[in-house]
Amino acid sequence: MAGARDGNLDGGEHLPRRPQWHCQICEPGTPWPCHPARVDLAEAYGRDRIGLSMYVGGLLFIVAVELPDVAPAELYERFVAWTR
């Protein structure tokens, strides 16, 4: 996946629509990262799980500002927990 490792919000074709953080091509309202975006991100980082965790952890700070009404624990589950 081009871009994830160089800091672009790029999950293949499954990009986030900001500031809602919904997938641009999945069913309307599908939270990003959607399943296909997670697969693309995991493939892009390969065995570098720490790098992947750092990338999505960085996104967590951005999304927390853009979605202040969503519980932090919910955002953590959505953005970081799946990387384990």
Foldseek 3Di string as FASTA:
>chain_A
DPDLLVQDQPLDQQGADPPLQATPPPDPPHHPPDPSSVVSLCVVCPPVLVSQQVSLVVVLVVNCVSCVVDDSVVSCVRRHPVSD
